[in-house]
Every structure is written in structure tokens, then in C-alpha cells.
């Protein structure tokens, strides 16, 4: 298996794996289902889904992974400086917190190791089929069965399908003229080439989001010159990071201590989310945070003109903020320049900005993020439900929507681990709530002895009316966000990526509602 610092190779993707019908819990009867549950994706969400099924003694499932290794986002993102942006005590499964992280904010390779650790410890690994790219899923209403077609033509039949493909898996490339004409090295941060030597190179990085905030200080000392092409600045706060000592008796070495630290971390996210999602009620509170962060930027960056360019003109929370103790300081180096004139086009020699200047470069790094709310972003394959309705087309015609971020009417037995209106600061907190919801539906179907579960249209519509109303009082659609170029906003103008309530509200709701609001039949 590839090391944490290597992208999965084609050879790894093609290596021999067990036949799907030989996997644990998989039926071999040609007249029966291949598996009860088919999970698409073997990242954190897919592994978590497998763990929850095994905890319920359900072994008839398979994870389909297009790549040659598990891990998803943390498998693909191996760029210099990559790390989680929330404390690792919270960025993990609530039932698997006893892990020896090296730092408060774990580096990406450790997150990847943690996902591998969980897959092996909880018995999910044998259920994964690698090199299995899904192209098409279609529901047979006469049999209540999903038929899933893989690249190459293999068809697998299952009662349920869980789309665990995440939202940070398909790199987004900038719409810049001449991008393919560049004669030097060009790579997206999610497709890092570790064989390419940056030392002594003239490097340009396009984008100033979370990835760039980590990469810029990580490579500034290695390259001869670094130019950061900024379209939109990002709010950056301090990173309270330090090495962890696991020797002796410390709070982190006890279950109670870890639970306490996790509680206060989640409480911080709860309060922060509350003020962002109720921005129009408390604008002065968010404004106070913006002033403090702006003052910090101006205090850290030596050149007042550069500092002003690094202070966002949009409101805090319009897009995900970043944390760093070294990104802003990088602009105090003579060999690091901030470029804000805007890119006119890319040419073989480098980048030409709108002021006519040629920025000669040996390498261009694309820190331009991922496809998130775009059509066929998540899931990336066709999903055909009742009456031939295709999911991405439904969203195209009717706005992105999903009941509790999990279910869509007319798509029976199909679940999303991270559907519209579900994103937040902590992926694991969102995921565990969604997995509980999904398992409640599956458990109820089994206990009732039925083969179909589908969210009721009225239930879904009431929920979405509430989501849209809540989004209107959050900061995401406020006038202060116009300049943010936020990936939170979709093609309909909706802030359909973030969850417009607090994590605790979701935690309570999923436990109070259970599988109510669903139709069960056969």
C-alpha cells in the first residue's frame, strides 16, 4: 500500500483483490442480492458506514473504492504542510479517541494512518473492493433492488446504496485562458507529484484557500521565489498547536480526560456555529471577531499595503476560515510576493496578470479547491430512482435538497452520508449523526420485514422549508459575503453546503426523530 506521502499508483489500483462474491457476508446465489448494502467510497465516511454496520452484526456489505487505497481526502492530499484544521481530539470517531497523535492538529499522514487503523481494527478492510469506479446506479421498483454498474461493465445488486463519496474528492481547476500551454510543471494540490523537486524553483501558487495557507509556509524556504496569486483573501487566526507527550499520566491518556477535552472543543464549534448561523441577529459579535483578526493581520505583516490586501472585505463565516502561525509571516520574506492584480492568462513562460506583467515561473501549483455543489460533484455517478428520475437532474431542476442531509424523496433505499445542507466545522460530528439516521432507517426496515424505505414527501418538504428559512438568517447569504467567492453557494444561489443549525441541534434531532417521517413498504 502507498506510503502516506505518495499518491496511489495505477499498479496499486489494479492489484489483485478478492472477488466480490468471496467477501465476508456476500451471497453467491446468482438469484439473490450480491450484498445487502453497497457503500460507494472508502474514505472516512465509507469506513464509518462499514463500522456501524458491523457493530449491528450486519456483514453483508461491500465498499467500492475507485482508487487503490482507502482514505479519500487524506489519501489524495499529500502536499507539503497538509494537516487537519481542527484539534485531532475531535477529528476522530467518538468511539476511537485513544490514538497517539503527534500534535494537537495532526498532520495529514497521521489522519490517513488513523483511517487505516480504524478499517483494520473494526474489520472493515476485508469488505473493500479497490479499483471499482461506479458509473451508474438504478433502482428496480419491482424488486426494490439497486443495480450498480462499475467501469468495465460489472453490475452489483443490493438492497441499499450508501453514497459515501464526500465533497473534497474532485479537484477544481481554475477557468484561466492558456492553462494547458504552460511549459513548466503544473499540479493541483490534491494530485501532488512527490518526484518533482521544488528546491531552487520559481513557483507560483494560484488560490489562497485552506490548502494554500498550509503550503505557502511549508515551501517558502525551499523555492528560490514564490508568488501567491490571490483572488480572494482568507480570514486567518492563530493555530494553538504543539507537540503531544503521551508519556506519564496526562488527561489525554485517560478516557475521561479525552472526553473532557473533546467536549470543550465541540463547545467552541457549537458557539462559533451559532453566531455564524444566526448572524443577522448578532452581527456585532461576528464583527468584533473580524476586527480582532484584521488587527492581527496588520500587526503580523510588516508591509502595510500587503497587510491591507490580506484582510478580507467579506464577513467572517462567509467561507471556511483558516488557522496558521506562519502563513501571514511568509509575506515578510523578500522571496515571497503577494500578487492581486488578477490573472489574464497563462503562457508557456508563466502567468500574465491584467497589468500586462509576465511572472516567469518554473512551476504552478493549483490550490483551487474541489468541486462541491457543482452538478455530478457528489455523488459523481448517475443515480436513477423512481420513474427514471436522475438525482443530479432533480437537483438541477429543483435546487439542491435532502431530508436531514441524508435522504431524497423518490430515491428509496438510497442514502447520502453528506448531502446538501449538512456541512460544518467537524466532519466526524456530522458523519456520526448521519450514520445514526441511516442505521435507524435500515434497522426499522429489517424489523418490519420490508424491502423499501423512503422519506415521505411532506416530511422532506417541511424540513427543507426550515433549512431555507434558516439559511436566510445566516451569514452565508448576507450582502457581506458578495466578495467571498464562496464555494458554499451553489448554481441556484443557495448556500446548500453548510448546515444552517448547530451540531447539537442535529445531535438532538436525530435521536428524537429516529426513523419517523419515512414510508416503509415492499
Protein backbone atom coordinates (compact mmCIF):
# COMPACT_ATOMS: atom_id res chain seq x y z
CA UNK A 1 0.00 0.00 0.00
CA UNK A 2 1.29 3.52 -0.78
CA UNK A 3 3.04 5.45 1.96
CA UNK A 4 1.14 8.45 3.40
CA UNK A 5 3.32 10.76 1.29
CA UNK A 6 2.70 9.06 -2.02
CA UNK A 7 -0.27 9.23 -4.34
CA UNK A 8 -1.75 5.77 -5.06
CA UNK A 9 -0.21 4.27 -8.17
CA UNK A 10 -2.05 2.71 -11.07
CA UNK A 11 -0.41 -0.57 -10.18
CA UNK A 12 -1.86 -0.39 -6.69
CA UNK A 13 -5.31 0.27 -8.10
CA UNK A 14 -5.04 -2.76 -10.34
CA UNK A 15 -3.59 -5.19 -7.83
CA UNK A 16 -5.49 -8.39 -7.29
CA UNK A 17 -8.33 -8.22 -4.78
CA UNK A 18 -10.82 -10.84 -3.57
CA UNK A 19 -13.73 -11.44 -5.89
CA UNK A 20 -16.74 -9.50 -4.52
CA UNK A 21 -18.74 -12.69 -4.08
CA UNK A 22 -15.99 -14.10 -1.85
CA UNK A 23 -16.07 -11.21 0.59
CA UNK A 24 -17.44 -11.80 4.13
CA UNK A 25 -21.22 -11.75 4.26
CA UNK A 26 -21.64 -11.65 0.48
CA UNK A 27 -24.07 -14.10 -1.06
CA UNK A 28 -23.06 -16.22 -4.02
CA UNK A 29 -26.54 -17.28 -5.08
CA UNK A 30 -26.99 -15.88 -8.59
CA UNK A 31 -30.70 -15.35 -7.95
CA UNK A 32 -30.11 -13.30 -4.79
CA UNK A 33 -28.58 -9.94 -3.93
CA UNK A 34 -24.83 -9.63 -4.21
CA UNK A 35 -24.85 -7.69 -0.96
CA UNK A 36 -27.44 -6.16 1.31
CA UNK A 37 -25.67 -2.78 1.46
CA UNK A 38 -23.38 -1.27 -1.15
CA UNK A 39 -21.20 1.62 0.06
CA UNK A 40 -19.58 3.86 -2.55
CA UNK A 41 -16.31 5.29 -1.30
CA UNK A 42 -13.72 4.07 1.21
CA UNK A 43 -12.80 7.35 2.82
CA UNK A 44 -13.72 8.35 6.37
CA UNK A 45 -17.45 8.23 5.57
CA UNK A 46 -17.33 4.83 3.90
CA UNK A 47 -15.20 3.28 6.65
CA UNK A 48 -17.53 4.77 9.25
CA UNK A 49 -20.55 3.28 7.49
CA UNK A 50 -18.90 -0.14 7.44
CA UNK A 51 -18.07 0.10 11.15
CA UNK A 52 -21.66 0.96 12.04
CA UNK A 53 -22.98 -2.00 10.03
CA UNK A 54 -20.57 -4.39 11.74
CA UNK A 55 -21.50 -3.00 15.15
CA UNK A 56 -25.05 -4.04 14.31
CA UNK A 57 -23.90 -7.52 13.25
CA UNK A 58 -24.62 -6.74 9.60
CA UNK A 59 -21.91 -8.32 7.46
CA UNK A 60 -23.48 -8.37 4.01
CA UNK A 61 -21.96 -5.20 2.63
CA UNK A 62 -19.22 -4.03 0.29
CA UNK A 63 -17.28 -0.80 -0.08
CA UNK A 64 -16.46 0.21 -3.64
CA UNK A 65 -13.32 2.32 -3.98
CA UNK A 66 -12.15 3.63 -7.34
CA UNK A 67 -8.56 4.15 -6.17
CA UNK A 68 -6.05 1.58 -4.95
CA UNK A 69 -6.09 2.59 -1.30
CA UNK A 70 -8.59 3.78 1.29
CA UNK A 71 -8.59 7.22 2.93
CA UNK A 72 -10.34 9.51 0.46
CA UNK A 73 -9.34 13.13 1.05
CA UNK A 74 -6.39 12.16 3.25
CA UNK A 75 -5.13 9.67 0.69
CA UNK A 76 -5.26 12.23 -2.12
CA UNK A 77 -3.96 15.32 -0.31
CA UNK A 78 -0.28 14.79 0.49
CA UNK A 79 1.05 18.27 -0.28
CA UNK A 80 3.70 19.86 1.97
CA UNK A 81 2.23 21.11 5.23
CA UNK A 82 -1.09 19.26 4.94
CA UNK A 83 -2.79 18.90 8.32
CA UNK A 84 -6.23 18.86 9.88
CA UNK A 85 -7.61 22.29 10.79
CA UNK A 86 -9.48 21.30 13.94
CA UNK A 87 -7.97 19.60 17.03
CA UNK A 88 -7.41 15.89 16.42
CA UNK A 89 -9.11 15.06 19.72
CA UNK A 90 -12.34 15.95 17.93
CA UNK A 91 -11.37 14.98 14.39
CA UNK A 92 -11.86 11.27 15.03
CA UNK A 93 -14.65 8.81 15.77
CA UNK A 94 -16.18 9.32 19.22
CA UNK A 95 -15.66 5.61 19.96
CA UNK A 96 -11.99 5.63 18.88
CA UNK A 97 -10.29 8.58 20.58
CA UNK A 98 -7.35 6.70 22.13
CA UNK A 99 -4.92 7.37 19.32
CA UNK A 100 -1.41 8.75 19.80
CA UNK A 101 -1.48 11.88 17.68
CA UNK A 102 1.89 13.65 17.45
CA UNK A 103 0.37 17.13 17.59
CA UNK A 104 -2.82 18.92 18.62
CA UNK A 105 -3.51 19.42 14.91
CA UNK A 106 -2.48 16.13 13.33
CA UNK A 107 -0.59 16.11 10.02
CA UNK A 108 -2.37 14.56 7.05
CA UNK A 109 -0.30 11.38 7.04
CA UNK A 110 -1.47 10.61 10.60
CA UNK A 111 -5.11 11.09 9.65
CA UNK A 112 -4.57 8.64 6.80
CA UNK A 113 -2.94 6.18 9.23
CA UNK A 114 -5.88 6.64 11.61
CA UNK A 115 -8.39 5.76 8.88
CA UNK A 116 -6.35 2.64 8.06
CA UNK A 117 -6.20 1.80 11.77
CA UNK A 118 -9.98 2.03 12.14
CA UNK A 119 -10.63 -0.01 8.99
CA UNK A 120 -8.36 -2.80 10.27
CA UNK A 121 -9.38 -2.71 13.94
CA UNK A 122 -13.11 -2.84 13.27
CA UNK A 123 -12.95 -5.39 10.46
CA UNK A 124 -13.98 -3.20 7.53
CA UNK A 125 -10.88 -3.76 5.41
CA UNK A 126 -11.90 -7.21 4.03
CA UNK A 127 -15.12 -5.70 2.70
CA UNK A 128 -13.37 -3.16 0.43
CA UNK A 129 -13.14 -3.70 -3.32
CA UNK A 130 -10.46 -1.48 -4.86
CA UNK A 131 -10.25 -0.32 -8.45
CA UNK A 132 -14.07 -0.26 -8.57
CA UNK A 133 -15.27 3.01 -10.07
CA UNK A 134 -19.05 3.42 -10.00
CA UNK A 135 -20.66 4.81 -13.14
CA UNK A 136 -24.39 4.22 -12.71
CA UNK A 137 -26.91 3.23 -10.02
CA UNK A 138 -30.52 2.42 -10.90
CA UNK A 139 -33.44 1.35 -8.73
CA UNK A 140 -35.69 -1.54 -9.78
CA UNK A 141 -39.05 -0.71 -8.22
CA UNK A 142 -40.48 -4.16 -9.00
CA UNK A 143 -37.87 -5.84 -6.79
CA UNK A 144 -36.72 -2.97 -4.55
CA UNK A 145 -33.15 -3.57 -5.67
CA UNK A 146 -30.40 -1.17 -6.72
CA UNK A 147 -28.26 -2.23 -9.67
CA UNK A 148 -24.85 -0.56 -9.61
CA UNK A 149 -22.71 -0.60 -12.74
CA UNK A 150 -18.94 -0.31 -12.45
CA UNK A 151 -16.45 0.86 -15.05
CA UNK A 152 -15.84 -2.22 -17.15
CA UNK A 153 -19.45 -3.36 -17.03
CA UNK A 154 -19.71 -5.34 -13.77
CA UNK A 155 -23.17 -4.99 -12.20
CA UNK A 156 -23.75 -5.46 -8.48
CA UNK A 157 -27.19 -5.77 -6.90
CA UNK A 158 -28.01 -4.55 -3.42
CA UNK A 159 -30.99 -3.65 -1.29
CA UNK A 160 -29.44 -0.39 -0.09
CA UNK A 161 -26.87 2.03 -1.51
CA UNK A 162 -24.96 4.50 0.65
CA UNK A 163 -23.12 7.26 -1.24
CA UNK A 164 -20.07 7.98 0.92
CA UNK A 165 -18.13 9.89 -1.71
CA UNK A 166 -17.50 13.04 0.31
CA UNK A 167 -17.24 16.56 -1.08
CA UNK A 168 -13.47 17.05 -1.30
CA UNK A 169 -12.58 14.42 -3.87
CA UNK A 170 -12.80 16.01 -7.33
CA UNK A 171 -10.16 18.73 -7.89
CA UNK A 172 -11.42 22.02 -9.25
CA UNK A 173 -9.25 23.61 -11.92
CA UNK A 174 -9.36 27.37 -12.50
CA UNK A 175 -11.04 28.75 -15.58
CA UNK A 176 -7.95 30.53 -16.87
CA UNK A 177 -7.03 31.00 -20.51
CA UNK A 178 -3.94 29.10 -21.62
CA UNK A 179 -3.75 26.85 -18.58
CA UNK A 180 -2.64 23.90 -20.71
CA UNK A 181 0.03 25.91 -22.50
CA UNK A 182 2.39 26.22 -19.54
CA UNK A 183 5.77 24.66 -20.36
CA UNK A 184 6.83 24.09 -16.74
CA UNK A 185 5.42 21.81 -14.04
CA UNK A 186 1.77 22.26 -13.12
CA UNK A 187 -0.09 20.27 -10.46
CA UNK A 188 -3.19 20.51 -8.33
CA UNK A 189 -2.57 20.31 -4.60
CA UNK A 190 -4.73 17.17 -4.44
CA UNK A 191 -2.57 15.47 -7.07
CA UNK A 192 0.86 16.26 -5.67
CA UNK A 193 3.86 14.87 -7.54
CA UNK A 194 6.47 13.97 -4.92
CA UNK A 195 9.04 13.21 -7.60
CA UNK A 196 9.15 16.87 -8.62
CA UNK A 197 11.85 18.87 -6.84
CA UNK A 198 10.76 22.36 -5.76
CA UNK A 199 14.19 23.36 -4.48
CA UNK A 200 15.55 26.42 -6.27
CA UNK A 201 12.48 26.77 -8.50
CA UNK A 202 10.45 29.88 -9.30
CA UNK A 203 6.99 28.84 -8.10
CA UNK A 204 3.55 30.39 -8.42
CA UNK A 205 0.56 29.26 -6.41
CA UNK A 206 -2.94 30.08 -7.62
CA UNK A 207 -5.51 30.26 -4.84
CA UNK A 208 -5.44 31.37 -1.22
CA UNK A 209 -7.77 28.94 0.49
CA UNK A 210 -7.07 26.44 3.27
CA UNK A 211 -4.60 24.39 1.20
CA UNK A 212 -2.55 27.42 0.18
CA UNK A 213 -2.39 28.62 3.77
CA UNK A 214 -0.61 25.36 4.63
CA UNK A 215 1.55 25.05 1.52
CA UNK A 216 2.94 28.61 1.34
CA UNK A 217 4.95 28.49 4.61
CA UNK A 218 5.89 24.85 4.00
CA UNK A 219 7.66 25.56 0.71
CA UNK A 220 8.74 29.21 1.08
CA UNK A 221 12.20 28.25 2.37
CA UNK A 222 12.70 25.64 -0.35
CA UNK A 223 11.99 27.62 -3.50
CA UNK A 224 14.02 30.47 -4.97
CA UNK A 225 10.96 32.66 -5.32
CA UNK A 226 7.27 32.22 -4.51
CA UNK A 227 4.44 34.29 -5.98
CA UNK A 228 0.99 33.89 -4.42
CA UNK A 229 -1.79 34.80 -6.84
CA UNK A 230 -4.72 35.93 -4.70
CA UNK A 231 -8.23 36.49 -5.97
CA UNK A 232 -9.92 36.46 -2.56
CA UNK A 233 -8.11 36.77 0.80
CA UNK A 234 -8.96 34.43 3.66
CA UNK A 235 -9.57 35.07 7.34
CA UNK A 236 -6.61 33.58 9.25
CA UNK A 237 -6.44 33.09 13.01
CA UNK A 238 -3.76 31.67 15.29
CA UNK A 239 -3.17 27.93 15.40
CA UNK A 240 -2.85 26.72 19.03
CA UNK A 241 -0.66 23.80 18.00
CA UNK A 242 2.09 21.95 19.86
CA UNK A 243 3.68 18.52 20.12
CA UNK A 244 1.92 15.98 22.31
CA UNK A 245 3.65 13.94 25.00
CA UNK A 246 1.94 10.63 25.62
CA UNK A 247 4.24 9.51 28.43
CA UNK A 248 3.20 9.54 32.07
CA UNK A 249 -0.22 10.38 33.47
CA UNK A 250 -1.91 13.11 31.43
CA UNK A 251 -5.58 13.93 30.69
CA UNK A 252 -5.07 12.73 27.12
CA UNK A 253 -4.04 9.30 28.39
CA UNK A 254 -7.39 8.71 30.10
CA UNK A 255 -10.82 8.22 28.58
CA UNK A 256 -12.31 10.82 30.93
CA UNK A 257 -9.63 13.36 30.03
CA UNK A 258 -10.11 12.87 26.31
CA UNK A 259 -13.88 13.14 26.69
CA UNK A 260 -13.47 16.42 28.59
CA UNK A 261 -11.12 17.92 26.00
CA UNK A 262 -13.41 16.77 23.22
CA UNK A 263 -16.40 18.35 24.97
CA UNK A 264 -14.77 21.78 25.21
CA UNK A 265 -13.55 21.62 21.61
CA UNK A 266 -17.04 20.78 20.40
CA UNK A 267 -18.49 23.50 22.63
CA UNK A 268 -16.23 26.04 20.89
CA UNK A 269 -17.52 24.86 17.49
CA UNK A 270 -21.08 24.98 18.82
CA UNK A 271 -20.79 28.61 19.91
CA UNK A 272 -18.98 29.63 16.72
CA UNK A 273 -21.55 27.92 14.52
CA UNK A 274 -24.40 29.52 16.46
CA UNK A 275 -23.18 33.06 15.84
CA UNK A 276 -22.47 32.36 12.16
CA UNK A 277 -25.86 30.74 11.54
CA UNK A 278 -27.72 33.48 13.45
CA UNK A 279 -25.58 36.28 12.07
CA UNK A 280 -28.46 38.67 11.32
CA UNK A 281 -29.48 38.54 14.98
CA UNK A 282 -25.97 39.15 16.36
CA UNK A 283 -23.94 40.95 13.64
CA UNK A 284 -21.92 42.94 16.17
CA UNK A 285 -20.48 39.76 17.71
CA UNK A 286 -19.13 38.48 14.41
CA UNK A 287 -17.98 42.00 13.62
CA UNK A 288 -15.90 42.00 16.79
CA UNK A 289 -14.12 38.84 15.72
CA UNK A 290 -13.48 40.31 12.28
CA UNK A 291 -11.85 43.40 13.84
CA UNK A 292 -9.56 41.31 16.03
CA UNK A 293 -8.44 39.15 13.13
CA UNK A 294 -7.91 42.18 10.90
CA UNK A 295 -5.81 43.85 13.60
CA UNK A 296 -3.73 40.68 13.91
CA UNK A 297 -3.05 40.55 10.17
CA UNK A 298 -1.87 44.16 10.20
CA UNK A 299 0.30 43.52 13.26
CA UNK A 300 1.96 40.41 11.80
CA UNK A 301 2.60 41.60 8.23
CA UNK A 302 5.36 44.22 8.01
CA UNK A 303 4.25 45.95 4.81
CA UNK A 304 1.00 47.88 5.48
CA UNK A 305 -0.01 47.71 1.83
CA UNK A 306 0.39 43.93 1.71
CA UNK A 307 -1.42 43.60 5.04
CA UNK A 308 -4.40 45.54 3.72
CA UNK A 309 -4.61 43.20 0.74
CA UNK A 310 -4.62 40.18 3.06
CA UNK A 311 -7.59 41.46 5.09
CA UNK A 312 -10.86 40.09 3.62
CA UNK A 313 -13.59 42.55 2.67
CA UNK A 314 -16.26 39.89 3.26
CA UNK A 315 -17.72 38.78 6.57
CA UNK A 316 -16.31 36.10 8.86
CA UNK A 317 -18.06 32.80 8.16
CA UNK A 318 -18.89 33.53 4.52
CA UNK A 319 -16.40 30.80 3.69
CA UNK A 320 -14.38 28.46 5.88
CA UNK A 321 -11.64 30.40 7.72
CA UNK A 322 -8.09 29.12 8.16
CA UNK A 323 -5.65 28.78 11.04
CA UNK A 324 -1.89 29.27 10.78
CA UNK A 325 1.06 30.59 12.75
CA UNK A 326 3.24 31.05 9.67
CA UNK A 327 1.16 31.89 6.57
CA UNK A 328 0.93 35.63 7.18
CA UNK A 329 4.55 35.77 8.31
CA UNK A 330 5.60 34.28 4.96
CA UNK A 331 4.82 37.61 3.28
CA UNK A 332 7.58 39.24 5.31
CA UNK A 333 10.13 37.29 3.28
CA UNK A 334 11.83 39.01 0.36
CA UNK A 335 11.37 35.94 -1.82
CA UNK A 336 7.57 35.72 -1.30
CA UNK A 337 5.27 38.13 -3.16
CA UNK A 338 1.51 38.61 -2.98
CA UNK A 339 0.01 39.20 -6.43
CA UNK A 340 -3.52 40.67 -6.52
CA UNK A 341 -3.73 42.19 -10.00
CA UNK A 342 -5.70 39.22 -11.31
CA UNK A 343 -4.66 36.61 -13.85
CA UNK A 344 -5.28 37.40 -17.51
CA UNK A 345 -3.86 34.17 -18.90
CA UNK A 346 -1.21 31.51 -18.55
CA UNK A 347 1.51 31.25 -21.20
CA UNK A 348 4.40 28.79 -21.70
CA UNK A 349 6.73 31.01 -19.64
CA UNK A 350 4.39 31.59 -16.70
CA UNK A 351 1.47 33.84 -15.73
CA UNK A 352 0.45 37.15 -17.28
CA UNK A 353 -1.55 39.37 -14.95
CA UNK A 354 -4.08 42.01 -16.00
CA UNK A 355 -1.49 44.77 -15.66
CA UNK A 356 0.41 43.13 -18.54
CA UNK A 357 3.25 41.83 -16.37
CA UNK A 358 4.79 38.42 -17.09
CA UNK A 359 5.54 36.37 -13.99
CA UNK A 360 8.15 33.88 -15.19
CA UNK A 361 7.74 30.54 -13.40
CA UNK A 362 9.16 27.03 -13.33
CA UNK A 363 6.12 25.54 -11.58
CA UNK A 364 2.49 26.45 -10.99
CA UNK A 365 0.60 24.97 -8.04
CA UNK A 366 -3.19 24.99 -8.22
CA UNK A 367 -4.65 25.44 -4.73
CA UNK A 368 -8.10 25.97 -6.20
CA UNK A 369 -10.11 23.53 -4.12
CA UNK A 370 -12.71 21.00 -5.17
CA UNK A 371 -16.00 20.60 -6.96
CA UNK A 372 -18.53 20.73 -4.14
CA UNK A 373 -22.03 21.84 -5.15
CA UNK A 374 -21.49 21.54 -8.90
CA UNK A 375 -23.54 19.02 -10.84
CA UNK A 376 -22.15 15.48 -10.60
CA UNK A 377 -19.79 16.54 -7.82
CA UNK A 378 -21.22 14.38 -5.04
CA UNK A 379 -22.17 11.78 -5.95
CA UNK A 380 -20.16 11.78 -9.17
CA UNK A 381 -22.17 8.96 -10.79
CA UNK A 382 -25.70 8.70 -12.17
CA UNK A 383 -28.34 7.80 -9.59
CA UNK A 384 -31.69 6.85 -11.15
CA UNK A 385 -34.62 6.44 -8.77
CA UNK A 386 -38.37 6.02 -9.27
CA UNK A 387 -39.90 6.84 -12.66
CA UNK A 388 -36.45 7.29 -14.21
CA UNK A 389 -35.66 10.36 -12.12
CA UNK A 390 -31.92 11.09 -12.01
CA UNK A 391 -30.63 12.70 -8.81
CA UNK A 392 -28.33 15.36 -10.26
CA UNK A 393 -31.03 16.34 -12.75
CA UNK A 394 -33.56 16.59 -9.93
CA UNK A 395 -31.21 18.92 -8.08
CA UNK A 396 -30.60 20.86 -11.27
CA UNK A 397 -34.34 21.46 -11.74
CA UNK A 398 -35.45 21.80 -8.11
CA UNK A 399 -32.48 23.17 -6.09
CA UNK A 400 -30.15 21.00 -4.01
CA UNK A 401 -32.03 19.37 -1.16
CA UNK A 402 -32.11 16.30 1.04
CA UNK A 403 -34.02 15.40 4.17
CA UNK A 404 -31.63 15.69 7.14
CA UNK A 405 -28.80 15.74 4.60
CA UNK A 406 -29.38 12.03 4.06
CA UNK A 407 -32.49 11.14 2.02
CA UNK A 408 -34.27 12.39 -1.10
CA UNK A 409 -37.90 11.51 -2.00
CA UNK A 410 -38.32 9.09 -4.93
CA UNK A 411 -34.93 7.54 -4.21
CA UNK A 412 -35.86 4.61 -1.94
CA UNK A 413 -33.14 2.70 -0.07
CA UNK A 414 -30.58 5.31 -1.10
CA UNK A 415 -28.69 7.38 1.47
CA UNK A 416 -26.09 10.16 1.42
CA UNK A 417 -23.51 10.49 4.18
CA UNK A 418 -23.04 14.19 3.38
CA UNK A 419 -25.93 15.52 1.34
CA UNK A 420 -26.97 19.15 0.83
CA UNK A 421 -27.26 21.39 3.91
CA UNK A 422 -25.12 19.24 6.17
CA UNK A 423 -21.54 20.61 6.25
CA UNK A 424 -19.93 22.01 9.38
CA UNK A 425 -16.61 22.51 11.16
CA UNK A 426 -16.18 18.86 12.19
CA UNK A 427 -16.76 16.17 9.56
CA UNK A 428 -16.88 13.41 12.19
CA UNK A 429 -19.64 15.09 14.20
CA UNK A 430 -21.74 15.43 11.05
CA UNK A 431 -20.96 11.90 9.90
CA UNK A 432 -21.87 10.15 13.15
CA UNK A 433 -25.23 11.91 13.28
CA UNK A 434 -25.95 10.98 9.67
CA UNK A 435 -24.86 7.37 10.14
CA UNK A 436 -27.16 7.01 13.14
CA UNK A 437 -30.02 8.30 10.98
CA UNK A 438 -29.18 5.88 8.15
CA UNK A 439 -28.87 2.91 10.51
CA UNK A 440 -32.19 3.78 12.15
CA UNK A 441 -33.86 3.56 8.75
CA UNK A 442 -32.21 0.27 7.82
CA UNK A 443 -32.89 -1.25 11.24
CA UNK A 444 -36.55 -0.24 11.05
CA UNK A 445 -36.92 -1.79 7.59
CA UNK A 446 -35.41 -5.06 8.83
CA UNK A 447 -37.54 -5.15 11.96
CA UNK A 448 -40.69 -4.54 9.91
CA UNK A 449 -39.69 -7.20 7.40
CA UNK A 450 -40.00 -4.82 4.43
CA UNK A 451 -37.73 -4.17 1.47
CA UNK A 452 -38.29 -0.46 0.88
CA UNK A 453 -37.74 2.70 2.93
CA UNK A 454 -38.35 6.16 1.50
CA UNK A 455 -38.65 9.57 3.12
CA UNK A 456 -42.18 10.96 2.91
CA UNK A 457 -42.54 13.94 0.61
CA UNK A 458 -44.35 16.07 3.19
CA UNK A 459 -41.70 15.35 5.82
CA UNK A 460 -38.94 16.26 3.41
CA UNK A 461 -40.68 19.46 2.28
CA UNK A 462 -41.21 20.69 5.86
CA UNK A 463 -37.57 20.04 6.67
CA UNK A 464 -36.30 21.85 3.59
CA UNK A 465 -38.57 24.82 4.22
CA UNK A 466 -36.90 25.08 7.61
CA UNK A 467 -33.40 24.79 6.12
CA UNK A 468 -34.06 27.50 3.54
CA UNK A 469 -35.54 29.79 6.19
CA UNK A 470 -32.56 29.26 8.49
CA UNK A 471 -30.11 29.93 5.66
CA UNK A 472 -31.69 33.32 5.14
CA UNK A 473 -30.67 34.49 8.65
CA UNK A 474 -27.17 33.01 8.47
CA UNK A 475 -24.16 34.95 7.25
CA UNK A 476 -23.74 32.86 4.08
CA UNK A 477 -26.24 34.84 2.01
CA UNK A 478 -25.67 38.23 3.62
CA UNK A 479 -24.53 41.15 1.49
CA UNK A 480 -21.19 40.97 3.32
CA UNK A 481 -20.49 37.68 1.53
CA UNK A 482 -20.76 39.02 -2.02
CA UNK A 483 -16.97 39.38 -2.32
CA UNK A 484 -16.17 36.00 -0.80
CA UNK A 485 -16.41 33.84 -3.95
CA UNK A 486 -17.59 31.16 -1.54
CA UNK A 487 -17.92 27.54 -2.57
CA UNK A 488 -20.80 27.39 -0.08
CA UNK A 489 -23.09 28.93 -2.72
CA UNK A 490 -24.42 26.71 -5.48
CA UNK A 491 -25.60 27.45 -9.02
CA UNK A 492 -29.07 28.32 -7.70
CA UNK A 493 -27.67 30.97 -5.38
CA UNK A 494 -28.40 28.83 -2.30
CA UNK A 495 -25.90 28.21 0.49
CA UNK A 496 -26.53 24.49 0.13
CA UNK A 497 -23.24 23.20 1.51
CA UNK A 498 -23.22 24.36 5.17
CA UNK A 499 -25.70 23.19 7.80
CA UNK A 500 -27.60 26.29 8.98
CA UNK A 501 -28.09 24.95 12.52
CA UNK A 502 -25.70 23.98 15.30
CA UNK A 503 -24.22 20.47 15.65
CA UNK A 504 -26.09 19.97 18.95
CA UNK A 505 -29.43 20.67 17.25
CA UNK A 506 -28.67 17.91 14.76
CA UNK A 507 -27.48 15.58 17.54
CA UNK A 508 -30.75 16.01 19.44
CA UNK A 509 -32.95 15.81 16.37
CA UNK A 510 -31.59 12.53 15.03
CA UNK A 511 -32.15 10.89 18.40
CA UNK A 512 -35.60 12.36 18.90
CA UNK A 513 -36.93 11.68 15.39
CA UNK A 514 -35.48 8.25 14.72
CA UNK A 515 -36.90 6.78 11.51
CA UNK A 516 -40.16 8.71 11.76
CA UNK A 517 -41.17 10.51 8.60
CA UNK A 518 -40.34 7.54 6.38
CA UNK A 519 -42.61 5.23 4.45
CA UNK A 520 -41.85 1.53 4.86
CA UNK A 521 -43.18 -0.98 2.36
CA UNK A 522 -42.30 -3.73 -0.08
